[in-house]
Amino acid sequence: MNTTTVLANKILKGEALKLKLQEWKSSGQKIVFTNGCFDLLHAGHLAYLSDAASLGDVLIVGLNSDCSVQKLKGPSRPVNDETTRATMLASMFFIDGVVTFTEDTPLELIKLIKPDVLVKGGDYKIEQIVGAQEVLHNGGTVKILNFLPGYSSSSIINKIKNS
């Protein structure tokens, strides 16, 4: 199987997502979910996603669509379109699935996936994390991981603009 096919098989939507979820769950695999824009991949993203993957058997990344990134970050974002961002994420060996969502939050996706572990980075409190109550209600856990200091897509963009 060539690389393009492998990556395409990791970018999931609709029935393909439902079939993969059924396969993973029926084999008893622990599903971890996280989400974000992942506009310009950097060392902070890699550390965070690798740490998230270590919390289970399957890591699914919910990816903000281009429209939702613009709402969150402004009209000049994203730098990379959603297809490019999804492909970059899918190329990471420790990511098993990438699902783009168009809503403002990944709540509906979390309700569909019903992950065993919901992961967010930063200094959130569990009450602030979208989907946390649903995951806890389903018997899952919520983990907050530290970000690698000094890395953010916004700071990289500002550095480029100022050089």
Protein backbone atom coordinates (compact mmCIF):
# COMPACT_ATOMS: atom_id res chain seq x y z
CA MET A 1 0.00 0.00 0.00
CA ASN A 2 1.46 3.38 -0.90
CA THR A 3 1.83 6.33 1.46
CA THR A 4 -1.04 8.28 -0.10
CA THR A 5 -3.45 5.40 0.50
CA VAL A 6 -2.29 4.95 4.10
CA LEU A 7 -2.77 8.64 4.84
CA ALA A 8 -6.16 8.73 3.12
CA ASN A 9 -7.29 5.75 5.22
CA LYS A 10 -6.51 7.69 8.39
CA ILE A 11 -8.56 10.75 7.36
CA LEU A 12 -12.03 9.65 8.39
CA LYS A 13 -15.58 10.89 7.86
CA GLY A 14 -19.09 9.54 7.74
CA GLU A 15 -19.44 5.79 7.41
CA ALA A 16 -15.67 5.22 7.34
CA LEU A 17 -15.42 6.81 10.78
CA LYS A 18 -18.31 4.73 12.13
CA LEU A 19 -16.78 1.50 10.78
CA LYS A 20 -13.35 2.26 12.27
CA LEU A 21 -14.93 3.15 15.62
CA GLN A 22 -16.83 -0.14 15.61
CA GLU A 23 -13.63 -2.04 14.76
CA TRP A 24 -11.58 -0.34 17.48
CA LYS A 25 -14.26 -0.65 20.15
CA SER A 26 -15.13 -4.27 19.38
CA SER A 27 -11.48 -5.22 19.76
CA GLY A 28 -11.38 -3.52 23.17
CA GLN A 29 -8.99 -0.76 22.21
CA LYS A 30 -8.80 2.31 24.45
CA ILE A 31 -9.71 5.36 22.35
CA VAL A 32 -8.14 8.74 23.06
CA PHE A 33 -9.53 11.93 21.50
CA THR A 34 -8.12 15.41 21.26
CA ASN A 35 -8.80 18.34 18.98
CA GLY A 36 -7.35 21.56 17.69
CA CYS A 37 -6.45 23.73 14.72
CA PHE A 38 -2.89 22.38 14.23
CA ASP A 39 -2.25 25.12 11.68
CA LEU A 40 1.55 25.17 11.69
CA LEU A 41 2.86 21.96 13.17
CA HIS A 42 5.72 22.50 15.61
CA ALA A 43 7.59 20.68 18.39
CA GLY A 44 4.90 21.61 20.92
CA HIS A 45 2.23 19.88 18.83
CA LEU A 46 4.39 16.79 18.38
CA ALA A 47 5.08 16.48 22.10
CA TYR A 48 1.42 17.04 22.98
CA LEU A 49 0.06 14.58 20.42
CA SER A 50 2.65 11.94 21.31
CA ASP A 51 1.76 12.29 25.00
CA ALA A 52 -1.95 12.03 24.15
CA ALA A 53 -1.31 8.87 22.10
CA SER A 54 0.47 7.27 25.05
CA LEU A 55 -2.77 7.37 27.07
CA GLY A 56 -4.48 4.65 25.01
CA ASP A 57 -4.39 2.36 22.00
CA VAL A 58 -5.98 4.63 19.39
CA LEU A 59 -5.57 8.40 19.00
CA ILE A 60 -8.23 10.28 17.06
CA VAL A 61 -7.62 13.97 16.36
CA GLY A 62 -10.57 16.26 15.75
CA LEU A 63 -9.41 18.97 13.35
CA ASN A 64 -11.07 22.38 13.15
CA SER A 65 -12.25 23.09 9.59
CA ASP A 66 -10.93 26.17 7.81
CA CYS A 67 -14.13 28.07 8.67
CA SER A 68 -13.92 27.25 12.36
CA VAL A 69 -10.22 28.22 12.47
CA GLN A 70 -11.11 31.61 10.96
CA LYS A 71 -13.77 32.12 13.63
CA LEU A 72 -11.26 31.28 16.38
CA LYS A 73 -8.09 32.87 15.03
CA GLY A 74 -9.19 35.58 12.59
CA PRO A 75 -9.46 36.06 8.82
CA SER A 76 -5.75 35.48 8.09
CA ARG A 77 -5.88 31.95 9.44
CA PRO A 78 -5.45 29.13 8.81
CA VAL A 79 -2.12 29.36 7.03
CA ASN A 80 -2.54 25.75 5.83
CA ASP A 81 -5.90 24.56 4.55
CA GLU A 82 -7.75 21.70 6.26
CA THR A 83 -6.71 19.10 3.68
CA THR A 84 -3.03 19.95 4.20
CA ARG A 85 -3.41 19.99 7.99
CA ALA A 86 -5.27 16.66 7.99
CA THR A 87 -2.60 15.08 5.78
CA MET A 88 0.21 16.31 8.03
CA LEU A 89 -1.52 14.91 11.12
CA ALA A 90 -2.31 11.61 9.39
CA SER A 91 1.36 11.22 8.53
CA MET A 92 2.24 10.84 12.21
CA PHE A 93 2.58 7.17 13.09
CA PHE A 94 0.98 7.63 16.51
CA ILE A 95 -2.22 9.19 15.12
CA ASP A 96 -4.80 6.61 14.02
CA GLY A 97 -7.54 8.87 12.74
CA VAL A 98 -8.12 12.50 11.79
CA VAL A 99 -11.67 13.86 11.61
CA THR A 100 -12.43 17.39 10.43
CA PHE A 101 -15.35 19.13 12.11
CA THR A 102 -17.12 22.27 10.92
CA GLU A 103 -18.95 23.20 14.11
CA ASP A 104 -17.55 25.75 16.56
CA THR A 105 -16.73 22.95 19.01
CA PRO A 106 -16.10 19.20 18.70
CA LEU A 107 -19.03 18.32 21.01
CA GLU A 108 -21.03 16.36 18.41
CA LEU A 109 -17.90 14.50 17.36
CA ILE A 110 -17.12 13.62 20.98
CA LYS A 111 -20.69 12.36 21.43
CA LEU A 112 -20.28 10.17 18.34
CA ILE A 113 -16.83 8.82 19.21
CA LYS A 114 -17.45 8.34 22.95
CA PRO A 115 -13.71 8.27 23.70
CA ASP A 116 -12.30 6.53 26.74
CA VAL A 117 -9.97 9.47 27.28
CA LEU A 118 -10.52 13.10 26.31
CA VAL A 119 -7.32 15.14 26.21
CA LYS A 120 -6.76 18.90 26.17
CA GLY A 121 -3.62 20.90 26.63
CA GLY A 122 -2.96 23.97 28.69
CA ASP A 123 -4.32 25.29 31.91
CA TYR A 124 -7.96 24.32 31.48
CA LYS A 125 -10.16 23.17 34.30
CA ILE A 126 -12.27 20.10 33.51
CA GLU A 127 -15.45 22.21 33.70
CA GLN A 128 -14.12 24.34 30.81
CA ILE A 129 -13.41 21.47 28.43
CA VAL A 130 -16.01 20.88 25.74
CA GLY A 131 -17.27 17.30 25.96
CA ALA A 132 -15.77 16.58 29.37
CA GLN A 133 -19.11 15.96 31.05
CA GLU A 134 -20.21 13.61 28.26
CA VAL A 135 -16.97 11.61 28.46
CA LEU A 136 -17.15 11.39 32.27
CA HIS A 137 -20.83 10.39 32.07
CA ASN A 138 -19.84 7.53 29.73
CA GLY A 139 -17.23 6.30 32.23
CA GLY A 140 -14.23 7.86 30.50
CA THR A 141 -11.53 10.13 31.84
CA VAL A 142 -10.38 13.65 31.01
CA LYS A 143 -6.67 14.50 31.00
CA ILE A 144 -5.08 17.92 30.81
CA LEU A 145 -1.55 17.86 29.41
CA ASN A 146 1.03 20.60 29.74
CA PHE A 147 2.07 22.42 26.62
CA LEU A 148 5.74 22.54 25.70
CA PRO A 149 6.66 26.12 26.67
CA GLY A 150 7.59 28.59 23.96
CA TYR A 151 5.70 27.02 21.07
CA SER A 152 2.56 28.24 19.37
CA SER A 153 1.47 28.72 15.79
CA SER A 154 0.63 32.35 16.54
CA SER A 155 4.13 33.06 17.89
CA ILE A 156 5.69 31.43 14.81
CA ILE A 157 3.53 33.59 12.52
CA ASN A 158 4.48 36.74 14.47
CA LYS A 159 8.16 35.81 14.29
CA ILE A 160 7.92 35.42 10.49
CA LYS A 161 6.08 38.74 10.12
CA ASN A 162 8.69 40.57 12.20
CA SER A 163 11.74 39.21 10.42
